[in-house]
PDB file of N, CA and C in Angstrom:
ATOM      1  N   MET A   1      72.601 139.806  48.527  1.00  0.00           N
ATOM      2  CA  MET A   1      73.230 139.955  47.225  1.00  0.00           C
ATOM      3  C   MET A   1      74.576 140.653  47.362  1.00  0.00           C
ATOM      4  N   ASN A   2      74.660 141.587  48.289  1.00  0.00           N
ATOM      5  CA  ASN A   2      75.918 142.306  48.480  1.00  0.00           C
ATOM      6  C   ASN A   2      77.043 141.360  48.914  1.00  0.00           C
ATOM      7  N   ILE A   3      76.703 140.376  49.727  1.00  0.00           N
ATOM      8  CA  ILE A   3      77.714 139.425  50.193  1.00  0.00           C
ATOM      9  C   ILE A   3      78.239 138.604  49.019  1.00  0.00           C
ATOM     10  N   ALA A   4      77.357 138.198  48.119  1.00  0.00           N
ATOM     11  CA  ALA A   4      77.772 137.417  46.952  1.00  0.00           C
ATOM     12  C   ALA A   4      78.683 138.242  46.042  1.00  0.00           C
ATOM     13  N   ILE A   5      78.346 139.485  45.810  1.00  0.00           N
ATOM     14  CA  ILE A   5      79.159 140.365  44.971  1.00  0.00           C
ATOM     15  C   ILE A   5      80.508 140.616  45.637  1.00  0.00           C
ATOM     16  N   GLN A   6      80.508 140.820  46.937  1.00  0.00           N
ATOM     17  CA  GLN A   6      81.745 141.045  47.669  1.00  0.00           C
ATOM     18  C   GLN A   6      82.662 139.813  47.582  1.00  0.00           C
ATOM     19  N   SER A   7      82.075 138.632  47.663  1.00  0.00           N
ATOM     20  CA  SER A   7      82.862 137.405  47.547  1.00  0.00           C
ATOM     21  C   SER A   7      83.502 137.295  46.164  1.00  0.00           C
ATOM     22  N   LEU A   8      82.751 137.630  45.117  1.00  0.00           N
ATOM     23  CA  LEU A   8      83.298 137.591  43.760  1.00  0.00           C
ATOM     24  C   LEU A   8      84.438 138.594  43.581  1.00  0.00           C
ATOM     25  N   VAL A   9      84.277 139.765  44.160  1.00  0.00           N
ATOM     26  CA  VAL A   9      85.324 140.788  44.054  1.00  0.00           C
ATOM     27  C   VAL A   9      86.580 140.337  44.781  1.00  0.00           C
ATOM     28  N   GLU A  10      86.418 139.730  45.952  1.00  0.00           N
ATOM     29  CA  GLU A  10      87.572 139.264  46.725  1.00  0.00           C
ATOM     30  C   GLU A  10      88.304 138.126  46.021  1.00  0.00           C
ATOM     31  N   ARG A  11      87.562 137.320  45.278  1.00  0.00           N
ATOM     32  CA  ARG A  11      88.158 136.169  44.600  1.00  0.00           C
ATOM     33  C   ARG A  11      88.228 136.386  43.089  1.00  0.00           C
ATOM     34  N   LYS A  12      88.430 137.612  42.693  1.00  0.00           N
ATOM     35  CA  LYS A  12      88.417 137.993  41.285  1.00  0.00           C
ATOM     36  C   LYS A  12      89.432 137.185  40.470  1.00  0.00           C
ATOM     37  N   GLU A  13      90.651 137.051  40.974  1.00  0.00           N
ATOM     38  CA  GLU A  13      91.690 136.329  40.242  1.00  0.00           C
ATOM     39  C   GLU A  13      91.311 134.853  40.053  1.00  0.00           C
ATOM     40  N   ALA A  14      90.768 134.226  41.090  1.00  0.00           N
ATOM     41  CA  ALA A  14      90.362 132.817  40.993  1.00  0.00           C
ATOM     42  C   ALA A  14      89.214 132.643  40.005  1.00  0.00           C
ATOM     43  N   VAL A  15      88.281 133.562  39.992  1.00  0.00           N
ATOM     44  CA  VAL A  15      87.150 133.486  39.058  1.00  0.00           C
ATOM     45  C   VAL A  15      87.640 133.638  37.620  1.00  0.00           C
ATOM     46  N   ILE A  16      88.549 134.570  37.391  1.00  0.00           N
ATOM     47  CA  ILE A  16      89.088 134.769  36.040  1.00  0.00           C
ATOM     48  C   ILE A  16      89.842 133.522  35.590  1.00  0.00           C
ATOM     49  N   ASN A  17      90.652 132.940  36.487  1.00  0.00           N
ATOM     50  CA  ASN A  17      91.379 131.722  36.137  1.00  0.00           C
ATOM     51  C   ASN A  17      90.425 130.575  35.828  1.00  0.00           C
ATOM     52  N   ALA A  18      89.349 130.436  36.588  1.00  0.00           N
ATOM     53  CA  ALA A  18      88.385 129.363  36.360  1.00  0.00           C
ATOM     54  C   ALA A  18      87.693 129.514  35.006  1.00  0.00           C
ATOM     55  N   LEU A  19      87.454 130.742  34.590  1.00  0.00           N
ATOM     56  CA  LEU A  19      86.799 130.973  33.304  1.00  0.00           C
ATOM     57  C   LEU A  19      87.779 130.912  32.134  1.00  0.00           C
ATOM     58  N   THR A  20      89.053 131.174  32.394  1.00  0.00           N
ATOM     59  CA  THR A  20      90.065 131.192  31.337  1.00  0.00           C
ATOM     60  C   THR A  20      90.558 129.799  30.987  1.00  0.00           C
ATOM     61  N   TYR A  21      90.860 128.990  32.019  1.00  0.00           N
ATOM     62  CA  TYR A  21      91.476 127.683  31.802  1.00  0.00           C
ATOM     63  C   TYR A  21      90.434 126.575  31.933  1.00  0.00           C
ATOM     64  N   SER A  22      90.688 125.477  31.221  1.00  0.00           N
ATOM     65  CA  SER A  22      89.733 124.370  31.244  1.00  0.00           C
ATOM     66  C   SER A  22      90.136 123.277  32.239  1.00  0.00           C
ATOM     67  N   PHE A  23      91.082 123.568  33.110  1.00  0.00           N
ATOM     68  CA  PHE A  23      91.515 122.586  34.099  1.00  0.00           C
ATOM     69  C   PHE A  23      90.489 122.462  35.212  1.00  0.00           C
ATOM     70  N   SER A  24      90.357 121.239  35.726  1.00  0.00           N
ATOM     71  CA  SER A  24      89.430 120.995  36.824  1.00  0.00           C
ATOM     72  C   SER A  24      89.958 119.837  37.657  1.00  0.00           C
ATOM     73  N   ASN A  25      89.670 119.859  38.939  1.00  0.00           N
ATOM     74  CA  ASN A  25      90.087 118.752  39.798  1.00  0.00           C
ATOM     75  C   ASN A  25      88.911 117.820  40.083  1.00  0.00           C
ATOM     76  N   GLY A  26      87.909 117.857  39.247  1.00  0.00           N
ATOM     77  CA  GLY A  26      86.720 117.043  39.444  1.00  0.00           C
ATOM     78  C   GLY A  26      86.992 115.549  39.431  1.00  0.00           C
ATOM     79  N   MET A  27      87.852 115.090  38.533  1.00  0.00           N
ATOM     80  CA  MET A  27      88.171 113.665  38.462  1.00  0.00           C
ATOM     81  C   MET A  27      88.876 113.195  39.730  1.00  0.00           C
ATOM     82  N   ILE A  28      89.798 113.991  40.225  1.00  0.00           N
ATOM     83  CA  ILE A  28      90.532 113.629  41.435  1.00  0.00           C
ATOM     84  C   ILE A  28      89.586 113.602  42.635  1.00  0.00           C
ATOM     85  N   GLU A  29      88.709 114.584  42.737  1.00  0.00           N
ATOM     86  CA  GLU A  29      87.752 114.622  43.841  1.00  0.00           C
ATOM     87  C   GLU A  29      86.819 113.415  43.792  1.00  0.00           C
ATOM     88  N   GLY A  30      86.391 113.036  42.591  1.00  0.00           N
ATOM     89  CA  GLY A  30      85.532 111.869  42.438  1.00  0.00           C
ATOM     90  C   GLY A  30      86.235 110.580  42.846  1.00  0.00           C
ATOM     91  N   THR A  31      87.499 110.462  42.481  1.00  0.00           N
ATOM     92  CA  THR A  31      88.273 109.281  42.855  1.00  0.00           C
ATOM     93  C   THR A  31      88.477 109.229  44.364  1.00  0.00           C
ATOM     94  N   ASN A  32      88.796 110.373  44.968  1.00  0.00           N
ATOM     95  CA  ASN A  32      88.956 110.421  46.424  1.00  0.00           C
ATOM     96  C   ASN A  32      87.674 110.015  47.134  1.00  0.00           C
ATOM     97  N   ASN A  33      86.534 110.484  46.635  1.00  0.00           N
ATOM     98  CA  ASN A  33      85.248 110.125  47.230  1.00  0.00           C
ATOM     99  C   ASN A  33      84.991 108.630  47.081  1.00  0.00           C
ATOM    100  N   LEU A  34      85.321 108.064  45.925  1.00  0.00           N
ATOM    101  CA  LEU A  34      85.143 106.633  45.687  1.00  0.00           C
ATOM    102  C   LEU A  34      85.981 105.817  46.671  1.00  0.00           C
ATOM    103  N   ILE A  35      87.224 106.226  46.887  1.00  0.00           N
ATOM    104  CA  ILE A  35      88.100 105.512  47.813  1.00  0.00           C
ATOM    105  C   ILE A  35      87.545 105.568  49.230  1.00  0.00           C
ATOM    106  N   LYS A  36      87.030 106.720  49.626  1.00  0.00           N
ATOM    107  CA  LYS A  36      86.449 106.846  50.969  1.00  0.00           C
ATOM    108  C   LYS A  36      85.242 105.932  51.139  1.00  0.00           C
ATOM    109  N   VAL A  37      84.409 105.829  50.100  1.00  0.00           N
ATOM    110  CA  VAL A  37      83.231 104.959  50.175  1.00  0.00           C
ATOM    111  C   VAL A  37      83.663 103.499  50.271  1.00  0.00           C
ATOM    112  N   ILE A  38      84.652 103.103  49.473  1.00  0.00           N
ATOM    113  CA  ILE A  38      85.145 101.719  49.521  1.00  0.00           C
ATOM    114  C   ILE A  38      85.729 101.415  50.894  1.00  0.00           C
ATOM    115  N   LYS A  39      86.460 102.377  51.467  1.00  0.00           N
ATOM    116  CA  LYS A  39      87.034 102.170  52.797  1.00  0.00           C
ATOM    117  C   LYS A  39      85.937 101.942  53.834  1.00  0.00           C
ATOM    118  N   ARG A  40      84.836 102.674  53.704  1.00  0.00           N
ATOM    119  CA  ARG A  40      83.724 102.509  54.646  1.00  0.00           C
ATOM    120  C   ARG A  40      83.042 101.155  54.477  1.00  0.00           C
ATOM    121  N   LEU A  41      82.823 100.744  53.227  1.00  0.00           N
ATOM    122  CA  LEU A  41      82.111  99.502  52.963  1.00  0.00           C
ATOM    123  C   LEU A  41      82.975  98.267  53.213  1.00  0.00           C
ATOM    124  N   ALA A  42      84.250  98.367  52.898  1.00  0.00           N
ATOM    125  CA  ALA A  42      85.138  97.209  52.964  1.00  0.00           C
ATOM    126  C   ALA A  42      86.098  97.351  54.133  1.00  0.00           C
ATOM    127  N   PHE A  43      85.559  97.539  55.300  1.00  0.00           N
ATOM    128  CA  PHE A  43      86.391  97.741  56.489  1.00  0.00           C
ATOM    129  C   PHE A  43      87.181  96.481  56.796  1.00  0.00           C
ATOM    130  N   GLY A  44      88.491  96.616  56.996  1.00  0.00           N
ATOM    131  CA  GLY A  44      89.292  95.506  57.458  1.00  0.00           C
ATOM    132  C   GLY A  44      90.032  94.726  56.399  1.00  0.00           C
ATOM    133  N   TYR A  45      90.392  95.347  55.295  1.00  0.00           N
ATOM    134  CA  TYR A  45      91.221  94.642  54.313  1.00  0.00           C
ATOM    135  C   TYR A  45      92.553  94.313  54.965  1.00  0.00           C
ATOM    136  N   ARG A  46      92.991  93.081  54.830  1.00  0.00           N
ATOM    137  CA  ARG A  46      94.276  92.678  55.398  1.00  0.00           C
ATOM    138  C   ARG A  46      95.425  93.021  54.474  1.00  0.00           C
ATOM    139  N   SER A  47      95.164  93.022  53.182  1.00  0.00           N
ATOM    140  CA  SER A  47      96.221  93.244  52.212  1.00  0.00           C
ATOM    141  C   SER A  47      95.963  94.553  51.471  1.00  0.00           C
ATOM    142  N   PHE A  48      96.976  95.408  51.449  1.00  0.00           N
ATOM    143  CA  PHE A  48      96.849  96.664  50.715  1.00  0.00           C
ATOM    144  C   PHE A  48      96.700  96.403  49.226  1.00  0.00           C
ATOM    145  N   ILE A  49      97.359  95.353  48.724  1.00  0.00           N
ATOM    146  CA  ILE A  49      97.276  95.030  47.294  1.00  0.00           C
ATOM    147  C   ILE A  49      95.841  94.670  46.907  1.00  0.00           C
ATOM    148  N   GLN A  50      95.139  93.909  47.754  1.00  0.00           N
ATOM    149  CA  GLN A  50      93.735  93.579  47.479  1.00  0.00           C
ATOM    150  C   GLN A  50      92.867  94.833  47.519  1.00  0.00           C
ATOM    151  N   PHE A  51      93.149  95.708  48.472  1.00  0.00           N
ATOM    152  CA  PHE A  51      92.393  96.956  48.591  1.00  0.00           C
ATOM    153  C   PHE A  51      92.614  97.828  47.351  1.00  0.00           C
ATOM    154  N   LYS A  52      93.864  97.947  46.930  1.00  0.00           N
ATOM    155  CA  LYS A  52      94.192  98.731  45.740  1.00  0.00           C
ATOM    156  C   LYS A  52      93.533  98.134  44.499  1.00  0.00           C
ATOM    157  N   THR A  53      93.556  96.808  44.378  1.00  0.00           N
ATOM    158  CA  THR A  53      92.937  96.138  43.238  1.00  0.00           C
ATOM    159  C   THR A  53      91.436  96.404  43.208  1.00  0.00           C
ATOM    160  N   ARG A  54      90.807  96.373  44.363  1.00  0.00           N
ATOM    161  CA  ARG A  54      89.359  96.651  44.426  1.00  0.00           C
ATOM    162  C   ARG A  54      89.053  98.068  43.975  1.00  0.00           C
ATOM    163  N   ILE A  55      89.868  99.029  44.409  1.00  0.00           N
ATOM    164  CA  ILE A  55      89.668 100.419  43.990  1.00  0.00           C
ATOM    165  C   ILE A  55      89.811 100.541  42.476  1.00  0.00           C
ATOM    166  N   LEU A  56      90.844  99.922  41.922  1.00  0.00           N
ATOM    167  CA  LEU A  56      91.069 100.016  40.480  1.00  0.00           C
ATOM    168  C   LEU A  56      89.973  99.313  39.686  1.00  0.00           C
ATOM    169  N   LEU A  57      89.466  98.197  40.194  1.00  0.00           N
ATOM    170  CA  LEU A  57      88.375  97.501  39.508  1.00  0.00           C
ATOM    171  C   LEU A  57      87.099  98.330  39.504  1.00  0.00           C
ATOM    172  N   ILE A  58      86.776  98.899  40.638  1.00  0.00           N
ATOM    173  CA  ILE A  58      85.531  99.666  40.732  1.00  0.00           C
ATOM    174  C   ILE A  58      85.617 100.951  39.917  1.00  0.00           C
ATOM    175  N   SER A  59      86.785 101.575  39.887  1.00  0.00           N
ATOM    176  CA  SER A  59      86.914 102.842  39.161  1.00  0.00           C
ATOM    177  C   SER A  59      87.211 102.651  37.679  1.00  0.00           C
ATOM    178  N   ASN A  60      87.237 101.402  37.210  1.00  0.00           N
ATOM    179  CA  ASN A  60      87.493 101.076  35.798  1.00  0.00           C
ATOM    180  C   ASN A  60      88.840 101.587  35.308  1.00  0.00           C
ATOM    181  N   THR A  61      89.849 101.581  36.169  1.00  0.00           N
ATOM    182  CA  THR A  61      91.171 101.994  35.744  1.00  0.00           C
ATOM    183  C   THR A  61      92.170 100.840  35.794  1.00  0.00           C
ATOM    184  N   LEU A  62      91.692  99.628  36.049  1.00  0.00           N
ATOM    185  CA  LEU A  62      92.578  98.478  36.080  1.00  0.00           C
ATOM    186  C   LEU A  62      92.863  98.040  34.659  1.00  0.00           C
ATOM    187  N   VAL A  63      94.129  97.991  34.312  1.00  0.00           N
ATOM    188  CA  VAL A  63      94.547  97.599  32.973  1.00  0.00           C
ATOM    189  C   VAL A  63      94.690  96.084  32.964  1.00  0.00           C
ATOM    190  N   PRO A  64      94.067  95.391  31.992  1.00  0.00           N
ATOM    191  CA  PRO A  64      94.179  93.937  31.954  1.00  0.00           C
ATOM    192  C   PRO A  64      95.621  93.496  31.748  1.00  0.00           C
ATOM    193  N   CYS A  65      95.986  92.450  32.400  1.00  0.00           N
ATOM    194  CA  CYS A  65      97.337  91.921  32.313  1.00  0.00           C
ATOM    195  C   CYS A  65      97.399  90.915  31.161  1.00  0.00           C
ATOM    196  N   ARG A  66      98.416  91.054  30.328  1.00  0.00           N
ATOM    197  CA  ARG A  66      98.602  90.116  29.222  1.00  0.00           C
ATOM    198  C   ARG A  66      99.789  89.229  29.549  1.00  0.00           C
ATOM    199  N   PHE A  67      99.527  87.941  29.619  1.00  0.00           N
ATOM    200  CA  PHE A  67     100.565  86.983  29.961  1.00  0.00           C
ATOM    201  C   PHE A  67     101.324  86.584  28.714  1.00  0.00           C
ATOM    202  N   LEU A  68     102.627  86.400  28.864  1.00  0.00           N
ATOM    203  CA  LEU A  68     103.449  85.950  27.754  1.00  0.00           C
ATOM    204  C   LEU A  68     103.374  84.444  27.631  1.00  0.00           C
ATOM    205  N   ASN A  69     103.218  83.931  26.408  1.00  0.00           N
ATOM    206  CA  ASN A  69     103.158  82.487  26.176  1.00  0.00           C
ATOM    207  C   ASN A  69     104.495  81.978  25.742  1.00  0.00           C
TER     208      ASN A  69
END
């Protein structure tokens, strides 16, 4: 228990900031993890554009393209 308390005291400023502000890097970490998994599963993409498109499709961030008539 002493080690846990000592860690909190050493990181007092970071703990206060985490409790004060609502910012989080959780979304970025999740996206990075998703990209790493896709890289492992889809080894050997020849085209970076296809690889990028796959990442955007899987992460639901691909914006549909509207063609002009």
